[in-house]
Amino acid sequence: MTPDEPRALRASGAKVGLSTASVYPESTAVAFELAAKLGYDGVEIMVWTDPISQDPYALQRLSQHYGVAILAIHAPCLIITQRVWTTDPWTKLQKAQFAAELLGAQTVVVHPPFRWQRDYARGFREGVRRLAQETDVRFAVENMFPLRVRGREVSAYQPSWDVAAAEPYRDYTLDLSHSAVSHSDALGMLDAMGERLTHLHIADGTGVPKDEHLVPGRGNQPCAEVLERLAARGYDGHVVVEINTRRALDRAEREADLAEALAFCRLHLVAPQRAPGGPH
C-alpha cells in the first residue's frame, strides 16, 4: 500500500450502551425504550432514587420487554444515593454484584470512597480486589475530579480522585467529562490505565468547575481520539454514553442528543485495517 492509497478501516466490536442517567429527569424505563428505538447495544443502570433502578427483577422484566441487554450496573456512589439500598458501602457493592450476575451485566462501576468514609477507604483497594476474585463481574473504579474552593483544589475522595495515579486497580472506568473538570490529560490517563481500562463513559466537557456531561464533540476533550485508540487496540470493553439531557425542551430534543452521541461513537470506533502480511 502506498501512502496515497486509502486505508481500509475495520469497525470495533465494542458495544455502545446508554446510561440510564442520560434520560434524566425521565425514568429508567424510558432509557430502555429509547435505547431500543435508537439502536444502542444495551444500557448501563445508574442505581439511584428511581425505585425501578434499585429492583433487579424489575430491570430484568424491562430488559426482556424491550430486548435490550444490561451491560453494566453503576453502584449507588453519589451523594444523593447514600441511603439507596443501604448506608453501608460494602453492602451496596455486594448488591450491585448480585444485580450484575442476575442480569448478565459484565461490569459494576464504582467511585473511590469519599474522604469521610474512613473505614471503607482504608480497606477499599483490597476489598474491591477480593470481590472481583469471587465473580466474573468486573469492578471498574472510575476517575473523579477535585473540588475548587476559593482557588484551591480539594479532593473529596480517598486516596485520590485520580484513580490511575496510585497503585493500579484491576479494572478502570475512564470518564471524559470528569477528566475535563479535573483538567487532566485524558490521553495520558488512557495510557496510564492501559489494558486495565475495561469501561468508558463517553461524554464531553469544557473544563469549567462542574460536571457537564456534554454530547461528545461539543467540548474540548479528545473523545474521537480516545475511541479511535481503543478501536486500534482491539478494546473489548463497553462504551457507555453518559450525557446530560435534562435541559432538553422535549422528548424529541432528548432523542436527537442521544442519537448524535451514538452516531459519534459508531463513527470513531474504527481503526485502520492491517494489510495481509504487513507490519504489525
C-alpha atoms as a PDB file:
ATOM      1  CA  MET A   1       0.000   0.000   0.000  1.00  0.00           C
ATOM      2  CA  THR A   2       1.381   3.398  -0.966  1.00  0.00           C
ATOM      3  CA  PRO A   3       0.982   6.453   1.292  1.00  0.00           C
ATOM      4  CA  ASP A   4      -1.576   7.898  -1.133  1.00  0.00           C
ATOM      5  CA  GLU A   5      -3.820   4.844  -1.135  1.00  0.00           C
ATOM      6  CA  PRO A   6      -6.888   4.973   1.128  1.00  0.00           C
ATOM      7  CA  ARG A   7      -6.528   2.698   4.129  1.00  0.00           C
ATOM      8  CA  ALA A   8      -9.226   0.158   4.833  1.00  0.00           C
ATOM      9  CA  LEU A   9     -10.962   0.584   8.186  1.00  0.00           C
ATOM     10  CA  ARG A  10     -12.453  -2.004  10.489  1.00  0.00           C
ATOM     11  CA  ALA A  11     -15.172  -1.264  12.989  1.00  0.00           C
ATOM     12  CA  SER A  12     -14.544  -2.070  16.638  1.00  0.00           C
ATOM     13  CA  GLY A  13     -16.556  -4.847  18.204  1.00  0.00           C
ATOM     14  CA  ALA A  14     -17.060  -2.801  21.387  1.00  0.00           C
ATOM     15  CA  LYS A  15     -20.695  -2.460  22.400  1.00  0.00           C
ATOM     16  CA  VAL A  16     -22.132   1.033  22.800  1.00  0.00           C
ATOM     17  CA  GLY A  17     -24.527   1.381  25.702  1.00  0.00           C
ATOM     18  CA  LEU A  18     -26.765   4.112  27.068  1.00  0.00           C
ATOM     19  CA  SER A  19     -26.541   5.134  30.709  1.00  0.00           C
ATOM     20  CA  THR A  20     -29.999   5.418  32.196  1.00  0.00           C
ATOM     21  CA  ALA A  21     -28.767   8.670  33.772  1.00  0.00           C
ATOM     22  CA  SER A  22     -28.716  10.148  30.259  1.00  0.00           C
ATOM     23  CA  VAL A  23     -32.510  10.427  30.132  1.00  0.00           C
ATOM     24  CA  TYR A  24     -32.946  12.190  33.497  1.00  0.00           C
ATOM     25  CA  PRO A  25     -35.411  13.562  34.580  1.00  0.00           C
ATOM     26  CA  GLU A  26     -37.244  10.805  32.713  1.00  0.00           C
ATOM     27  CA  SER A  27     -37.268   7.330  34.203  1.00  0.00           C
ATOM     28  CA  THR A  28     -35.138   4.219  33.954  1.00  0.00           C
ATOM     29  CA  ALA A  29     -37.913   2.609  31.895  1.00  0.00           C
ATOM     30  CA  VAL A  30     -37.675   5.423  29.341  1.00  0.00           C
ATOM     31  CA  ALA A  31     -33.956   4.712  28.944  1.00  0.00           C
ATOM     32  CA  PHE A  32     -34.754   1.146  27.858  1.00  0.00           C
ATOM     33  CA  GLU A  33     -37.371   2.433  25.425  1.00  0.00           C
ATOM     34  CA  LEU A  34     -35.009   4.959  23.830  1.00  0.00           C
ATOM     35  CA  ALA A  35     -32.058   2.561  23.736  1.00  0.00           C
ATOM     36  CA  ALA A  36     -34.193   0.104  21.762  1.00  0.00           C
ATOM     37  CA  LYS A  37     -35.583   2.797  19.468  1.00  0.00           C
ATOM     38  CA  LEU A  38     -32.206   4.397  18.648  1.00  0.00           C
ATOM     39  CA  GLY A  39     -30.206   1.188  18.226  1.00  0.00           C
ATOM     40  CA  TYR A  40     -27.950   1.131  21.284  1.00  0.00           C
ATOM     41  CA  ASP A  41     -26.386  -2.233  22.121  1.00  0.00           C
ATOM     42  CA  GLY A  42     -27.572  -2.096  25.721  1.00  0.00           C
ATOM     43  CA  VAL A  43     -27.855   0.059  28.817  1.00  0.00           C
ATOM     44  CA  GLU A  44     -25.912   0.844  31.966  1.00  0.00           C
ATOM     45  CA  ILE A  45     -28.153   1.101  35.015  1.00  0.00           C
ATOM     46  CA  MET A  46     -27.497   4.099  37.231  1.00  0.00           C
ATOM     47  CA  VAL A  47     -28.787   2.901  40.595  1.00  0.00           C
ATOM     48  CA  TRP A  48     -30.341   5.926  42.241  1.00  0.00           C
ATOM     49  CA  THR A  49     -33.613   7.294  43.598  1.00  0.00           C
ATOM     50  CA  ASP A  50     -35.808   5.804  40.845  1.00  0.00           C
ATOM     51  CA  PRO A  51     -37.257   2.678  42.539  1.00  0.00           C
ATOM     52  CA  ILE A  52     -37.042   0.652  39.319  1.00  0.00           C
ATOM     53  CA  SER A  53     -33.276   1.223  39.155  1.00  0.00           C
ATOM     54  CA  GLN A  54     -32.993  -0.391  42.599  1.00  0.00           C
ATOM     55  CA  ASP A  55     -35.011  -3.531  41.735  1.00  0.00           C
ATOM     56  CA  PRO A  56     -33.047  -6.159  39.761  1.00  0.00           C
ATOM     57  CA  TYR A  57     -36.188  -8.136  38.954  1.00  0.00           C
ATOM     58  CA  ALA A  58     -37.996  -5.073  37.566  1.00  0.00           C
ATOM     59  CA  LEU A  59     -34.897  -4.350  35.476  1.00  0.00           C
ATOM     60  CA  GLN A  60     -34.905  -7.920  34.214  1.00  0.00           C
ATOM     61  CA  ARG A  61     -38.511  -7.526  33.050  1.00  0.00           C
ATOM     62  CA  LEU A  62     -37.675  -4.263  31.254  1.00  0.00           C
ATOM     63  CA  SER A  63     -34.661  -5.858  29.562  1.00  0.00           C
ATOM     64  CA  GLN A  64     -36.798  -8.746  28.307  1.00  0.00           C
ATOM     65  CA  HIS A  65     -39.688  -6.489  27.245  1.00  0.00           C
ATOM     66  CA  TYR A  66     -37.537  -4.165  25.135  1.00  0.00           C
ATOM     67  CA  GLY A  67     -34.951  -6.732  24.045  1.00  0.00           C
ATOM     68  CA  VAL A  68     -32.179  -4.515  25.429  1.00  0.00           C
ATOM     69  CA  ALA A  69     -29.183  -6.041  27.207  1.00  0.00           C
ATOM     70  CA  ILE A  70     -27.941  -4.682  30.523  1.00  0.00           C
ATOM     71  CA  LEU A  71     -24.205  -4.138  30.117  1.00  0.00           C
ATOM     72  CA  ALA A  72     -23.282  -2.586  33.453  1.00  0.00           C
ATOM     73  CA  ILE A  73     -24.543  -1.589  36.887  1.00  0.00           C
ATOM     74  CA  HIS A  74     -23.407   1.747  38.305  1.00  0.00           C
ATOM     75  CA  ALA A  75     -23.346   1.247  42.070  1.00  0.00           C
ATOM     76  CA  PRO A  76     -25.066   3.987  44.129  1.00  0.00           C
ATOM     77  CA  CYS A  77     -21.947   6.011  44.964  1.00  0.00           C
ATOM     78  CA  LEU A  78     -23.312   9.563  44.633  1.00  0.00           C
ATOM     79  CA  ILE A  79     -24.095  11.976  47.448  1.00  0.00           C
ATOM     80  CA  ILE A  80     -27.808  11.743  46.607  1.00  0.00           C
ATOM     81  CA  THR A  81     -27.741   7.933  46.767  1.00  0.00           C
ATOM     82  CA  GLN A  82     -26.031   7.485  50.141  1.00  0.00           C
ATOM     83  CA  ARG A  83     -29.145   5.784  51.521  1.00  0.00           C
ATOM     84  CA  VAL A  84     -30.059   3.773  48.417  1.00  0.00           C
ATOM     85  CA  TRP A  85     -30.032   0.007  49.127  1.00  0.00           C
ATOM     86  CA  THR A  86     -28.275   0.674  52.450  1.00  0.00           C
ATOM     87  CA  THR A  87     -25.906   3.141  54.078  1.00  0.00           C
ATOM     88  CA  ASP A  88     -23.122   0.523  54.169  1.00  0.00           C
ATOM     89  CA  PRO A  89     -20.849   0.905  51.106  1.00  0.00           C
ATOM     90  CA  TRP A  90     -19.760  -2.739  51.052  1.00  0.00           C
ATOM     91  CA  THR A  91     -23.362  -3.928  51.078  1.00  0.00           C
ATOM     92  CA  LYS A  92     -24.014  -1.590  48.147  1.00  0.00           C
ATOM     93  CA  LEU A  93     -21.236  -3.264  46.144  1.00  0.00           C
ATOM     94  CA  GLN A  94     -22.490  -6.737  47.069  1.00  0.00           C
ATOM     95  CA  LYS A  95     -25.987  -5.805  45.944  1.00  0.00           C
ATOM     96  CA  ALA A  96     -24.556  -4.366  42.723  1.00  0.00           C
ATOM     97  CA  GLN A  97     -22.685  -7.625  42.157  1.00  0.00           C
ATOM     98  CA  PHE A  98     -25.867  -9.640  42.703  1.00  0.00           C
ATOM     99  CA  ALA A  99     -27.762  -7.427  40.235  1.00  0.00           C
ATOM    100  CA  ALA A 100     -24.992  -7.718  37.644  1.00  0.00           C
ATOM    101  CA  GLU A 101     -24.865 -11.502  37.919  1.00  0.00           C
ATOM    102  CA  LEU A 102     -28.654 -11.829  37.736  1.00  0.00           C
ATOM    103  CA  LEU A 103     -28.912  -9.506  34.729  1.00  0.00           C
ATOM    104  CA  GLY A 104     -25.859 -10.708  32.808  1.00  0.00           C
ATOM    105  CA  ALA A 105     -24.021  -7.386  33.162  1.00  0.00           C
ATOM    106  CA  GLN A 106     -20.253  -7.612  32.791  1.00  0.00           C
ATOM    107  CA  THR A 107     -19.314  -4.566  34.880  1.00  0.00           C
ATOM    108  CA  VAL A 108     -20.041  -2.789  38.142  1.00  0.00           C
ATOM    109  CA  VAL A 109     -18.920   0.843  38.024  1.00  0.00           C
ATOM    110  CA  VAL A 110     -17.741   2.157  41.376  1.00  0.00           C
ATOM    111  CA  HIS A 111     -16.392   5.503  42.591  1.00  0.00           C
ATOM    112  CA  PRO A 112     -13.470   5.775  45.013  1.00  0.00           C
ATOM    113  CA  PRO A 113     -14.535   6.365  48.622  1.00  0.00           C
ATOM    114  CA  PHE A 114     -15.392   9.804  49.954  1.00  0.00           C
ATOM    115  CA  ARG A 115     -12.831  11.181  52.422  1.00  0.00           C
ATOM    116  CA  TRP A 116     -15.259  10.865  55.332  1.00  0.00           C
ATOM    117  CA  GLN A 117     -15.737   7.128  54.667  1.00  0.00           C
ATOM    118  CA  ARG A 118     -12.530   6.369  56.569  1.00  0.00           C
ATOM    119  CA  ASP A 119     -13.057   2.679  57.312  1.00  0.00           C
ATOM    120  CA  TYR A 120     -14.330   1.998  53.808  1.00  0.00           C
ATOM    121  CA  ALA A 121     -11.415   3.915  52.285  1.00  0.00           C
ATOM    122  CA  ARG A 122      -8.875   2.044  54.423  1.00  0.00           C
ATOM    123  CA  GLY A 123      -9.942  -1.322  53.015  1.00  0.00           C
ATOM    124  CA  PHE A 124     -11.243  -0.221  49.614  1.00  0.00           C
ATOM    125  CA  ARG A 125      -8.476  -1.452  47.324  1.00  0.00           C
ATOM    126  CA  GLU A 126      -8.204  -4.863  48.941  1.00  0.00           C
ATOM    127  CA  GLY A 127     -11.979  -5.183  49.302  1.00  0.00           C
ATOM    128  CA  VAL A 128     -12.628  -4.466  45.631  1.00  0.00           C
ATOM    129  CA  ARG A 129      -9.895  -6.922  44.680  1.00  0.00           C
ATOM    130  CA  ARG A 130     -11.481  -9.582  46.876  1.00  0.00           C
ATOM    131  CA  LEU A 131     -14.959  -9.016  45.432  1.00  0.00           C
ATOM    132  CA  ALA A 132     -13.567  -9.280  41.895  1.00  0.00           C
ATOM    133  CA  GLN A 133     -11.972 -12.628  42.714  1.00  0.00           C
ATOM    134  CA  GLU A 134     -15.375 -14.058  43.666  1.00  0.00           C
ATOM    135  CA  THR A 135     -17.113 -13.328  40.363  1.00  0.00           C
ATOM    136  CA  ASP A 136     -16.667 -12.828  36.634  1.00  0.00           C
ATOM    137  CA  VAL A 137     -18.127  -9.324  37.037  1.00  0.00           C
ATOM    138  CA  ARG A 138     -15.579  -6.512  36.710  1.00  0.00           C
ATOM    139  CA  PHE A 139     -15.467  -3.831  39.406  1.00  0.00           C
ATOM    140  CA  ALA A 140     -14.250  -0.876  37.351  1.00  0.00           C
ATOM    141  CA  VAL A 141     -13.119   2.079  39.503  1.00  0.00           C
ATOM    142  CA  GLU A 142     -13.905   5.458  37.940  1.00  0.00           C
ATOM    143  CA  ASN A 143     -11.748   8.587  37.759  1.00  0.00           C
ATOM    144  CA  MET A 144     -13.336  11.537  39.526  1.00  0.00           C
ATOM    145  CA  PHE A 145     -12.278  15.196  39.950  1.00  0.00           C
ATOM    146  CA  PRO A 146     -11.290  17.676  42.662  1.00  0.00           C
ATOM    147  CA  LEU A 147     -13.476  20.449  44.010  1.00  0.00           C
ATOM    148  CA  ARG A 148     -12.258  24.032  43.686  1.00  0.00           C
ATOM    149  CA  VAL A 149     -12.789  26.196  46.751  1.00  0.00           C
ATOM    150  CA  ARG A 150     -11.517  29.801  46.727  1.00  0.00           C
ATOM    151  CA  GLY A 151      -8.899  28.978  44.137  1.00  0.00           C
ATOM    152  CA  ARG A 152      -7.687  25.842  45.921  1.00  0.00           C
ATOM    153  CA  GLU A 153      -8.202  22.240  44.826  1.00  0.00           C
ATOM    154  CA  VAL A 154      -9.753  19.964  47.433  1.00  0.00           C
ATOM    155  CA  SER A 155     -10.273  16.248  46.883  1.00  0.00           C
ATOM    156  CA  ALA A 156     -13.467  14.741  48.220  1.00  0.00           C
ATOM    157  CA  TYR A 157     -12.084  11.253  47.560  1.00  0.00           C
ATOM    158  CA  GLN A 158      -9.694   8.887  49.296  1.00  0.00           C
ATOM    159  CA  PRO A 159      -6.950   8.191  48.480  1.00  0.00           C
ATOM    160  CA  SER A 160      -7.418  10.399  45.394  1.00  0.00           C
ATOM    161  CA  TRP A 161      -9.847  11.390  42.662  1.00  0.00           C
ATOM    162  CA  ASP A 162      -7.124  10.343  40.181  1.00  0.00           C
ATOM    163  CA  VAL A 163      -7.527   6.600  40.471  1.00  0.00           C
ATOM    164  CA  ALA A 164      -4.858   5.896  37.824  1.00  0.00           C
ATOM    165  CA  ALA A 165      -2.111   7.765  39.676  1.00  0.00           C
ATOM    166  CA  ALA A 166      -1.511   5.300  42.515  1.00  0.00           C
ATOM    167  CA  GLU A 167      -1.185   1.520  42.783  1.00  0.00           C
ATOM    168  CA  PRO A 168      -3.304   0.145  39.935  1.00  0.00           C
ATOM    169  CA  TYR A 169      -6.766  -1.285  40.314  1.00  0.00           C
ATOM    170  CA  ARG A 170      -7.693  -4.443  38.456  1.00  0.00           C
ATOM    171  CA  ASP A 171     -10.252  -2.611  36.268  1.00  0.00           C
ATOM    172  CA  TYR A 172     -10.939   1.027  35.462  1.00  0.00           C
ATOM    173  CA  THR A 173     -13.721   3.212  34.118  1.00  0.00           C
ATOM    174  CA  LEU A 174     -12.497   6.301  32.251  1.00  0.00           C
ATOM    175  CA  ASP A 175     -14.971   9.205  32.292  1.00  0.00           C
ATOM    176  CA  LEU A 176     -14.177  12.021  29.862  1.00  0.00           C
ATOM    177  CA  SER A 177     -16.498  14.550  31.476  1.00  0.00           C
ATOM    178  CA  HIS A 178     -14.616  14.010  34.740  1.00  0.00           C
ATOM    179  CA  SER A 179     -11.255  14.425  33.003  1.00  0.00           C
ATOM    180  CA  ALA A 180     -12.499  17.794  31.712  1.00  0.00           C
ATOM    181  CA  VAL A 181     -13.426  19.002  35.213  1.00  0.00           C
ATOM    182  CA  SER A 182     -10.072  17.871  36.652  1.00  0.00           C
ATOM    183  CA  HIS A 183      -8.121  19.402  33.729  1.00  0.00           C
ATOM    184  CA  SER A 184      -6.469  16.018  33.269  1.00  0.00           C
ATOM    185  CA  ASP A 185      -4.663  14.796  30.174  1.00  0.00           C
ATOM    186  CA  ALA A 186      -7.315  12.303  29.080  1.00  0.00           C
ATOM    187  CA  LEU A 187      -4.990  10.534  26.665  1.00  0.00           C
ATOM    188  CA  GLY A 188      -2.325  10.300  29.365  1.00  0.00           C
ATOM    189  CA  MET A 189      -4.935   8.836  31.703  1.00  0.00           C
ATOM    190  CA  LEU A 190      -5.942   6.373  28.979  1.00  0.00           C
ATOM    191  CA  ASP A 191      -2.296   5.280  28.688  1.00  0.00           C
ATOM    192  CA  ALA A 192      -1.883   5.046  32.462  1.00  0.00           C
ATOM    193  CA  MET A 193      -4.919   2.775  32.752  1.00  0.00           C
ATOM    194  CA  GLY A 194      -3.655   0.669  29.848  1.00  0.00           C
ATOM    195  CA  GLU A 195      -5.195  -2.757  29.426  1.00  0.00           C
ATOM    196  CA  ARG A 196      -6.907  -2.359  32.804  1.00  0.00           C
ATOM    197  CA  LEU A 197      -9.338   0.083  31.197  1.00  0.00           C
ATOM    198  CA  THR A 198     -12.426  -2.053  30.680  1.00  0.00           C
ATOM    199  CA  HIS A 199     -15.206   0.552  30.671  1.00  0.00           C
ATOM    200  CA  LEU A 200     -15.585   4.012  29.126  1.00  0.00           C
ATOM    201  CA  HIS A 201     -18.083   6.749  29.932  1.00  0.00           C
ATOM    202  CA  ILE A 202     -18.168   8.826  26.762  1.00  0.00           C
ATOM    203  CA  ALA A 203     -19.164  12.451  27.251  1.00  0.00           C
ATOM    204  CA  ASP A 204     -17.509  15.823  26.831  1.00  0.00           C
ATOM    205  CA  GLY A 205     -16.692  18.915  28.863  1.00  0.00           C
ATOM    206  CA  THR A 206     -15.135  22.345  28.531  1.00  0.00           C
ATOM    207  CA  GLY A 207     -13.052  22.467  31.718  1.00  0.00           C
ATOM    208  CA  VAL A 208     -15.422  24.545  33.824  1.00  0.00           C
ATOM    209  CA  PRO A 209     -15.611  23.517  37.508  1.00  0.00           C
ATOM    210  CA  LYS A 210     -18.758  21.424  37.116  1.00  0.00           C
ATOM    211  CA  ASP A 211     -19.518  18.011  35.676  1.00  0.00           C
ATOM    212  CA  GLU A 212     -21.096  18.899  32.314  1.00  0.00           C
ATOM    213  CA  HIS A 213     -21.523  15.535  30.538  1.00  0.00           C
ATOM    214  CA  LEU A 214     -21.928  17.153  27.129  1.00  0.00           C
ATOM    215  CA  VAL A 215     -22.658  15.282  23.924  1.00  0.00           C
ATOM    216  CA  PRO A 216     -19.245  14.083  22.657  1.00  0.00           C
ATOM    217  CA  GLY A 217     -17.803  16.571  20.197  1.00  0.00           C
ATOM    218  CA  ARG A 218     -19.294  19.625  21.925  1.00  0.00           C
ATOM    219  CA  GLY A 219     -16.445  20.187  24.385  1.00  0.00           C
ATOM    220  CA  ASN A 220     -12.656  20.100  24.358  1.00  0.00           C
ATOM    221  CA  GLN A 221     -11.967  16.507  25.355  1.00  0.00           C
ATOM    222  CA  PRO A 222     -10.273  14.127  22.865  1.00  0.00           C
ATOM    223  CA  CYS A 223     -13.377  11.938  22.603  1.00  0.00           C
ATOM    224  CA  ALA A 224     -12.767  10.923  18.998  1.00  0.00           C
ATOM    225  CA  GLU A 225      -9.117  10.069  19.582  1.00  0.00           C
ATOM    226  CA  VAL A 226      -9.896   8.012  22.683  1.00  0.00           C
ATOM    227  CA  LEU A 227     -12.418   5.937  20.720  1.00  0.00           C
ATOM    228  CA  GLU A 228     -10.029   5.507  17.790  1.00  0.00           C
ATOM    229  CA  ARG A 229      -7.203   4.414  20.077  1.00  0.00           C
ATOM    230  CA  LEU A 230      -9.451   1.892  21.791  1.00  0.00           C
ATOM    231  CA  ALA A 231     -10.544   0.510  18.429  1.00  0.00           C
ATOM    232  CA  ALA A 232      -6.906   0.189  17.346  1.00  0.00           C
ATOM    233  CA  ARG A 233      -6.009  -1.809  20.455  1.00  0.00           C
ATOM    234  CA  GLY A 234      -8.930  -4.232  19.964  1.00  0.00           C
ATOM    235  CA  TYR A 235     -10.747  -2.984  23.049  1.00  0.00           C
ATOM    236  CA  ASP A 236     -13.402  -5.468  24.179  1.00  0.00           C
ATOM    237  CA  GLY A 237     -14.971  -3.445  26.990  1.00  0.00           C
ATOM    238  CA  HIS A 238     -18.031  -1.243  26.741  1.00  0.00           C
ATOM    239  CA  VAL A 239     -18.501   2.361  25.649  1.00  0.00           C
ATOM    240  CA  VAL A 240     -21.376   3.950  27.561  1.00  0.00           C
ATOM    241  CA  VAL A 241     -22.945   7.269  26.581  1.00  0.00           C
ATOM    242  CA  GLU A 242     -23.398   9.201  29.826  1.00  0.00           C
ATOM    243  CA  ILE A 243     -24.609  12.672  28.844  1.00  0.00           C
ATOM    244  CA  ASN A 244     -26.778  15.322  30.464  1.00  0.00           C
ATOM    245  CA  THR A 245     -30.063  15.920  28.630  1.00  0.00           C
ATOM    246  CA  ARG A 246     -32.015  17.485  31.488  1.00  0.00           C
ATOM    247  CA  ARG A 247     -32.170  20.811  29.616  1.00  0.00           C
ATOM    248  CA  ALA A 248     -33.816  19.244  26.569  1.00  0.00           C
ATOM    249  CA  LEU A 249     -37.049  21.062  25.803  1.00  0.00           C
ATOM    250  CA  ASP A 250     -38.930  17.866  24.944  1.00  0.00           C
ATOM    251  CA  ARG A 251     -38.577  14.179  24.145  1.00  0.00           C
ATOM    252  CA  ALA A 252     -37.646  14.907  20.528  1.00  0.00           C
ATOM    253  CA  GLU A 253     -34.671  17.062  21.548  1.00  0.00           C
ATOM    254  CA  ARG A 254     -33.531  14.454  24.071  1.00  0.00           C
ATOM    255  CA  GLU A 255     -33.717  11.727  21.422  1.00  0.00           C
ATOM    256  CA  ALA A 256     -31.746  13.884  18.995  1.00  0.00           C
ATOM    257  CA  ASP A 257     -28.917  14.326  21.528  1.00  0.00           C
ATOM    258  CA  LEU A 258     -28.833  10.607  22.307  1.00  0.00           C
ATOM    259  CA  ALA A 259     -28.842   9.726  18.591  1.00  0.00           C
ATOM    260  CA  GLU A 260     -25.999  12.196  17.933  1.00  0.00           C
ATOM    261  CA  ALA A 261     -23.914  10.697  20.731  1.00  0.00           C
ATOM    262  CA  LEU A 262     -24.466   7.168  19.413  1.00  0.00           C
ATOM    263  CA  ALA A 263     -23.545   8.215  15.868  1.00  0.00           C
ATOM    264  CA  PHE A 264     -20.358   9.855  17.179  1.00  0.00           C
ATOM    265  CA  CYS A 265     -19.338   6.591  18.842  1.00  0.00           C
ATOM    266  CA  ARG A 266     -20.089   4.469  15.774  1.00  0.00           C
ATOM    267  CA  LEU A 267     -18.144   6.898  13.569  1.00  0.00           C
ATOM    268  CA  HIS A 268     -14.994   6.899  15.691  1.00  0.00           C
ATOM    269  CA  LEU A 269     -14.898   3.297  16.902  1.00  0.00           C
ATOM    270  CA  VAL A 270     -12.869   2.367  13.849  1.00  0.00           C
ATOM    271  CA  ALA A 271      -9.213   1.551  13.226  1.00  0.00           C
ATOM    272  CA  PRO A 272      -7.015   1.096  10.146  1.00  0.00           C
ATOM    273  CA  GLN A 273      -7.129  -2.447   8.805  1.00  0.00           C
ATOM    274  CA  ARG A 274      -3.678  -4.016   8.568  1.00  0.00           C
ATOM    275  CA  ALA A 275      -2.800  -5.332   5.145  1.00  0.00           C
ATOM    276  CA  PRO A 276      -2.266  -9.127   4.966  1.00  0.00           C
ATOM    277  CA  GLY A 277       1.376  -9.849   5.655  1.00  0.00           C
ATOM    278  CA  GLY A 278       2.017  -6.210   6.506  1.00  0.00           C
ATOM    279  CA  PRO A 279       3.950  -4.950   9.501  1.00  0.00           C
ATOM    280  CA  HIS A 280       2.414  -5.315  12.979  1.00  0.00           C
END
